[in-house]
Amino acid sequence: MDNPSRSERTRQAVIQAALTIIARDGPGRLTFDAIARESGLSKGGVMHQFPSKVDVLRALLEHQIKYFDDASPVAASKGNTAQHKTALMEQIAQIREVSHQPYSIAHAIVAALVEEPELLALSRETARNRVERIKAEAVDPELALLRWSAAQGLLLSAMFGTSPFSETERERLFRRLMDDDKWTALAHAKATAKKSSRAAPSSKKKASGKH
């Protein structure tokens, strides 16, 4: 095996070991010794690829963001195959998928927050790009962002153990957020009402001019 292939295999082994440790034991237990034990690699081999724990966390975040970005079209199709896969639908489906995964990006973000808050800049930039995509496609951008934020809230409250909902209730709420036909109808109705209210003063002026 050539060096690049060996290096990538070691890198992936470290990432998977880190995800396992975070999900099973919590971010506080993520150490080089723990990663070496979990991955079966030497501590020196781990540190050769990742000189610091921050490097491990950065790689973990990048890996998880890419994993769920790549999986989002598939995840969205689980909601309703008849619906167009908009950025919003993909994001809500992705968040829903994360809520069912033991090795989730949510755990990675918590680990990064505990160890190195600056790493969250990567997540913020990713979220900012996603928000811009959602806004660009939406009939009602504010309503779309409220749906996205509600999905985020369902995930975070479940992750931190503060959710008042059962798993069944949470799944039902995710399905409601993903019911794009109803939300789109609401957005169109709102836009129509707004146009009508703008047109009303002009109609009144014309009517008064006839008298």
Protein backbone atom coordinates (compact mmCIF):
# COMPACT_ATOMS: atom_id res chain seq x y z
CA MET A 1 0.00 0.00 0.00
CA ASP A 2 1.42 3.40 -0.97
CA ASN A 3 1.84 6.19 1.54
CA PRO A 4 -1.18 8.32 0.45
CA SER A 5 -3.49 5.30 0.72
CA ARG A 6 -2.06 4.33 4.12
CA SER A 7 -2.38 7.92 5.31
CA GLU A 8 -6.03 8.15 4.24
CA ARG A 9 -6.86 4.82 5.86
CA THR A 10 -5.29 6.00 9.12
CA ARG A 11 -7.14 9.30 8.87
CA GLN A 12 -10.51 7.59 8.40
CA ALA A 13 -9.80 5.16 11.24
CA VAL A 14 -9.08 8.08 13.57
CA ILE A 15 -12.26 9.91 12.54
CA GLN A 16 -14.46 6.85 13.05
CA ALA A 17 -12.82 6.15 16.40
CA ALA A 18 -13.39 9.77 17.49
CA LEU A 19 -17.05 9.61 16.49
CA THR A 20 -17.50 6.36 18.41
CA ILE A 21 -15.89 7.78 21.55
CA ILE A 22 -17.95 10.99 21.44
CA ALA A 23 -21.24 9.14 20.91
CA ARG A 24 -20.51 6.47 23.53
CA ASP A 25 -18.51 8.25 26.21
CA GLY A 26 -19.00 11.97 25.58
CA PRO A 27 -16.64 14.63 24.19
CA GLY A 28 -14.72 14.90 27.46
CA ARG A 29 -13.33 11.38 26.93
CA LEU A 30 -11.88 12.15 23.52
CA THR A 31 -8.13 11.80 24.05
CA PHE A 32 -5.25 10.52 21.92
CA ASP A 33 -4.96 7.46 24.17
CA ALA A 34 -8.68 6.72 23.75
CA ILE A 35 -8.48 7.19 19.97
CA ALA A 36 -5.47 4.87 19.77
CA ARG A 37 -7.26 2.17 21.77
CA GLU A 38 -10.48 2.48 19.78
CA SER A 39 -8.82 2.54 16.37
CA GLY A 40 -6.13 -0.05 17.06
CA LEU A 41 -3.47 2.41 15.96
CA SER A 42 -0.45 3.54 17.91
CA LYS A 43 -0.67 6.89 19.67
CA GLY A 44 2.33 8.02 17.62
CA GLY A 45 0.54 7.02 14.42
CA VAL A 46 -2.54 9.02 15.42
CA MET A 47 -0.48 12.09 16.30
CA HIS A 48 1.47 11.85 13.06
CA GLN A 49 -1.80 12.45 11.18
CA PHE A 50 -3.29 14.84 13.76
CA PRO A 51 -0.69 16.76 15.77
CA SER A 52 -3.31 18.23 18.12
CA LYS A 53 -6.78 17.42 19.39
CA VAL A 54 -8.07 20.51 17.59
CA ASP A 55 -6.92 18.93 14.32
CA VAL A 56 -8.95 15.82 15.16
CA LEU A 57 -12.05 17.88 15.88
CA ARG A 58 -11.65 19.93 12.71
CA ALA A 59 -11.36 16.76 10.62
CA LEU A 60 -14.35 15.29 12.42
CA LEU A 61 -16.50 18.34 11.69
CA GLU A 62 -15.46 18.42 8.04
CA HIS A 63 -16.16 14.70 7.70
CA GLN A 64 -19.63 14.94 9.22
CA ILE A 65 -20.62 18.04 7.25
CA LYS A 66 -19.59 16.34 4.02
CA TYR A 67 -21.32 13.09 5.00
CA PHE A 68 -24.69 14.73 5.57
CA ASP A 69 -24.35 17.08 2.59
CA ASP A 70 -23.73 14.07 0.35
CA ALA A 71 -26.60 12.15 1.96
CA SER A 72 -29.15 14.98 1.96
CA PRO A 73 -30.80 14.23 -1.42
CA VAL A 74 -31.32 10.63 -0.32
CA ALA A 75 -32.60 11.73 3.09
CA ALA A 76 -35.04 14.18 1.50
CA SER A 77 -36.50 11.44 -0.67
CA LYS A 78 -37.56 9.56 2.44
CA GLY A 79 -40.05 12.28 3.28
CA ASN A 80 -42.06 12.38 0.06
CA THR A 81 -40.70 11.18 -3.28
CA ALA A 82 -43.25 13.27 -5.14
CA GLN A 83 -41.92 16.53 -3.77
CA HIS A 84 -39.24 18.63 -5.40
CA LYS A 85 -35.96 18.41 -3.51
CA THR A 86 -35.49 22.06 -2.58
CA ALA A 87 -32.64 23.21 -0.37
CA LEU A 88 -35.10 23.61 2.50
CA MET A 89 -36.48 20.09 2.12
CA GLU A 90 -32.97 18.67 1.93
CA GLN A 91 -31.93 20.53 5.07
CA ILE A 92 -34.96 19.50 7.14
CA ALA A 93 -34.53 15.90 5.99
CA GLN A 94 -30.85 16.11 6.87
CA ILE A 95 -31.58 17.44 10.37
CA ARG A 96 -34.17 14.71 10.84
CA GLU A 97 -31.60 12.13 9.75
CA VAL A 98 -29.05 13.51 12.21
CA SER A 99 -31.59 13.13 15.03
CA HIS A 100 -31.68 9.38 14.35
CA GLN A 101 -27.91 8.90 14.10
CA PRO A 102 -25.74 7.95 17.08
CA TYR A 103 -22.68 9.35 15.27
CA SER A 104 -24.10 12.71 14.38
CA ILE A 105 -22.75 16.11 13.53
CA ALA A 106 -24.52 17.33 16.66
CA HIS A 107 -22.08 15.35 18.79
CA ALA A 108 -19.21 16.73 16.75
CA ILE A 109 -20.36 20.31 17.30
CA VAL A 110 -20.64 19.73 21.05
CA ALA A 111 -17.12 18.31 21.10
CA ALA A 112 -15.79 21.30 19.18
CA LEU A 113 -17.63 23.74 21.45
CA VAL A 114 -16.16 22.15 24.57
CA GLU A 115 -12.61 22.04 23.25
CA GLU A 116 -12.23 24.87 20.76
CA PRO A 117 -15.11 27.32 20.15
CA GLU A 118 -13.27 28.87 17.19
CA LEU A 119 -13.89 25.68 15.21
CA LEU A 120 -17.58 26.51 15.17
CA ALA A 121 -16.76 29.12 12.52
CA LEU A 122 -16.70 26.23 10.06
CA SER A 123 -20.23 25.21 11.04
CA ARG A 124 -21.44 28.82 10.96
CA GLU A 125 -20.09 29.32 7.45
CA THR A 126 -21.74 26.09 6.29
CA ALA A 127 -25.04 27.13 7.89
CA ARG A 128 -24.80 30.59 6.29
CA ASN A 129 -24.39 29.06 2.85
CA ARG A 130 -27.36 26.76 3.45
CA VAL A 131 -29.52 29.67 4.58
CA GLU A 132 -28.68 31.61 1.41
CA ARG A 133 -29.72 28.63 -0.72
CA ILE A 134 -32.99 28.29 1.19
CA LYS A 135 -33.80 32.00 0.84
CA ALA A 136 -32.99 32.03 -2.88
CA GLU A 137 -35.47 29.22 -3.62
CA ALA A 138 -38.30 30.11 -1.24
CA VAL A 139 -41.55 31.85 -2.16
CA ASP A 140 -41.63 33.15 1.42
CA PRO A 141 -38.01 33.23 2.72
CA GLU A 142 -39.00 34.06 6.31
CA LEU A 143 -41.45 31.16 6.51
CA ALA A 144 -38.82 28.83 5.02
CA LEU A 145 -36.23 29.93 7.60
CA LEU A 146 -38.75 29.46 10.41
CA ARG A 147 -39.28 25.86 9.26
CA TRP A 148 -35.53 25.30 9.13
CA SER A 149 -35.05 26.85 12.59
CA ALA A 150 -37.88 24.73 14.03
CA ALA A 151 -36.17 21.59 12.74
CA GLN A 152 -32.90 22.73 14.33
CA GLY A 153 -34.75 23.29 17.61
CA LEU A 154 -36.23 19.78 17.55
CA LEU A 155 -32.76 18.33 17.07
CA LEU A 156 -30.97 20.41 19.70
CA SER A 157 -33.62 19.95 22.39
CA ALA A 158 -33.49 16.18 21.84
CA MET A 159 -29.69 16.20 21.87
CA PHE A 160 -29.49 18.11 25.17
CA GLY A 161 -32.25 16.08 26.80
CA THR A 162 -34.62 19.05 27.18
CA SER A 163 -37.22 17.98 24.61
CA PRO A 164 -40.78 17.56 25.95
CA PHE A 165 -41.63 15.35 22.96
CA SER A 166 -41.48 11.60 22.62
CA GLU A 167 -39.62 10.16 19.65
CA THR A 168 -42.97 9.50 17.94
CA GLU A 169 -44.13 13.08 18.52
CA ARG A 170 -40.83 14.48 17.28
CA GLU A 171 -41.04 12.37 14.14
CA ARG A 172 -44.59 13.62 13.52
CA LEU A 173 -43.41 17.23 13.84
CA PHE A 174 -40.55 16.60 11.42
CA ARG A 175 -43.03 15.16 8.93
CA ARG A 176 -45.21 18.25 9.29
CA LEU A 177 -42.22 20.52 8.66
CA MET A 178 -41.40 18.44 5.57
CA ASP A 179 -44.95 18.62 4.16
CA ASP A 180 -43.91 21.13 1.54
CA ASP A 181 -47.26 21.24 -0.27
CA LYS A 182 -49.11 22.67 2.72
CA TRP A 183 -46.41 25.18 3.55
CA THR A 184 -46.13 26.27 -0.07
CA ALA A 185 -49.88 26.80 -0.23
CA LEU A 186 -49.64 28.94 2.90
CA ALA A 187 -46.82 30.99 1.42
CA HIS A 188 -48.75 31.57 -1.81
CA ALA A 189 -51.88 32.56 0.13
CA LYS A 190 -49.84 35.02 2.16
CA ALA A 191 -48.29 36.51 -0.98
CA THR A 192 -51.71 36.83 -2.64
CA ALA A 193 -53.18 38.55 0.42
CA LYS A 194 -50.26 40.97 0.47
CA LYS A 195 -50.77 41.87 -3.20
CA SER A 196 -54.50 42.36 -2.61
CA SER A 197 -53.90 44.70 0.32
CA ARG A 198 -51.52 46.78 -1.82
CA ALA A 199 -54.03 46.98 -4.64
CA ALA A 200 -56.94 48.00 -2.38
CA PRO A 201 -55.96 51.71 -1.90
CA SER A 202 -55.68 52.19 -5.67
CA SER A 203 -59.17 50.76 -6.14
CA LYS A 204 -60.57 53.12 -3.51
CA LYS A 205 -58.93 56.13 -5.20
CA LYS A 206 -60.44 55.21 -8.55
CA ALA A 207 -63.84 54.75 -6.96
CA SER A 208 -63.69 58.14 -5.21
CA GLY A 209 -62.66 59.83 -8.45
CA LYS A 210 -65.84 58.75 -10.19
CA HIS A 211 -68.02 60.63 -7.69
